[in-house]
Amino acid sequence: MRLHALIHGHVQGVGFRYFVQDRALALGLVGWVRNTFDGDVEVVAEGPRPRLEALLDHLRRGPRAAVVTGVDVEWSPASGEFRRFEIRPTV
């Protein structure tokens, strides 16, 4: 499965992208995370649905210094285009 999430709140400047990468790698997921110019964090991850659900739980909490006010979620079939989980430049 593929998870596309947009995390809102105080989520930049708190290590959120590194937090997501660490959790995704620990769960064996592939994809990417990046900041947006709007102040959100965007995540695309692929893997088994239960592992993606576990990542989503982490996204809803975030690292200690973050304040997550909302997470927009979209599910779709996996594309298979990713080989690892990376941090991408801000868009």
Protein backbone atom coordinates (compact mmCIF):
# COMPACT_ATOMS: atom_id res chain seq x y z
CA MET A 1 0.00 0.00 0.00
CA ARG A 2 0.91 3.65 -0.33
CA LEU A 3 0.32 6.28 2.36
CA HIS A 4 0.36 9.98 1.45
CA ALA A 5 0.15 12.21 4.52
CA LEU A 6 0.28 15.96 5.09
CA ILE A 7 1.04 16.85 8.70
CA HIS A 8 -0.10 20.25 10.04
CA GLY A 9 0.90 22.19 13.14
CA HIS A 10 4.24 23.18 14.63
CA VAL A 11 6.10 20.53 12.63
CA GLN A 12 9.09 22.36 11.11
CA GLY A 13 12.28 23.16 12.98
CA VAL A 14 11.64 20.35 15.47
CA GLY A 15 13.40 17.42 13.76
CA PHE A 16 10.17 16.04 12.29
CA ARG A 17 11.71 14.86 9.00
CA TYR A 18 14.47 12.95 10.81
CA PHE A 19 11.91 11.51 13.21
CA VAL A 20 9.82 10.27 10.27
CA GLN A 21 12.83 8.83 8.46
CA ASP A 22 13.95 6.99 11.60
CA ARG A 23 10.49 5.48 12.18
CA ALA A 24 10.01 4.57 8.51
CA LEU A 25 13.38 2.82 8.34
CA ALA A 26 12.67 0.94 11.57
CA LEU A 27 9.37 -0.23 10.05
CA GLY A 28 11.03 -1.30 6.78
CA LEU A 29 9.13 1.25 4.67
CA VAL A 30 10.27 3.09 1.54
CA GLY A 31 9.38 6.56 0.27
CA TRP A 32 10.19 10.11 1.33
CA VAL A 33 9.50 13.02 3.67
CA ARG A 34 9.87 16.76 3.03
CA ASN A 35 8.90 20.16 4.40
CA THR A 36 6.51 22.34 2.44
CA PHE A 37 6.72 26.11 2.07
CA ASP A 38 3.31 26.27 3.79
CA GLY A 39 4.89 25.03 7.04
CA ASP A 40 3.62 21.45 6.82
CA VAL A 41 5.46 18.15 6.47
CA GLU A 42 4.57 15.81 3.59
CA VAL A 43 5.17 12.06 3.67
CA VAL A 44 4.82 9.37 1.02
CA ALA A 45 5.52 5.86 2.25
CA GLU A 46 4.98 2.39 0.81
CA GLY A 47 4.87 -1.00 2.44
CA PRO A 48 2.47 -3.39 4.17
CA ARG A 49 -0.68 -1.67 5.50
CA PRO A 50 -0.07 -2.60 9.17
CA ARG A 51 3.38 -0.99 9.08
CA LEU A 52 1.99 2.10 7.37
CA GLU A 53 -0.69 2.33 10.07
CA ALA A 54 2.11 2.19 12.67
CA LEU A 55 3.92 5.03 10.87
CA LEU A 56 0.68 7.01 10.78
CA ASP A 57 0.39 6.67 14.57
CA HIS A 58 3.89 8.19 14.85
CA LEU A 59 2.97 10.99 12.44
CA ARG A 60 -0.03 11.93 14.56
CA ARG A 61 2.23 12.35 17.62
CA GLY A 62 5.49 13.58 16.09
CA PRO A 63 8.75 14.16 17.96
CA ARG A 64 8.72 15.66 21.45
CA ALA A 65 8.99 19.31 20.35
CA ALA A 66 6.28 19.07 17.67
CA VAL A 67 2.63 20.05 18.04
CA VAL A 68 0.57 18.15 15.47
CA THR A 69 -2.83 19.75 14.87
CA GLY A 70 -3.96 17.52 12.01
CA VAL A 71 -2.96 14.88 9.48
CA ASP A 72 -4.55 14.59 6.03
CA VAL A 73 -4.30 11.00 4.78
CA GLU A 74 -4.74 9.38 1.38
CA TRP A 75 -4.36 5.65 0.66
CA SER A 76 -3.60 4.12 -2.73
CA PRO A 77 -1.90 1.07 -4.23
CA ALA A 78 1.89 1.02 -3.99
CA SER A 79 3.76 2.19 -7.07
CA GLY A 80 6.95 0.26 -6.32
CA GLU A 81 9.04 3.25 -7.44
CA PHE A 82 11.04 3.63 -4.21
CA ARG A 83 14.06 1.64 -3.04
CA ARG A 84 14.72 3.46 0.26
CA PHE A 85 13.29 6.12 2.54
CA GLU A 86 14.80 9.58 2.07
CA ILE A 87 14.50 13.18 3.11
CA ARG A 88 13.73 15.38 0.12
CA PRO A 89 14.21 19.15 -0.34
CA THR A 90 11.45 21.56 0.66
CA VAL A 91 8.78 22.35 -1.96
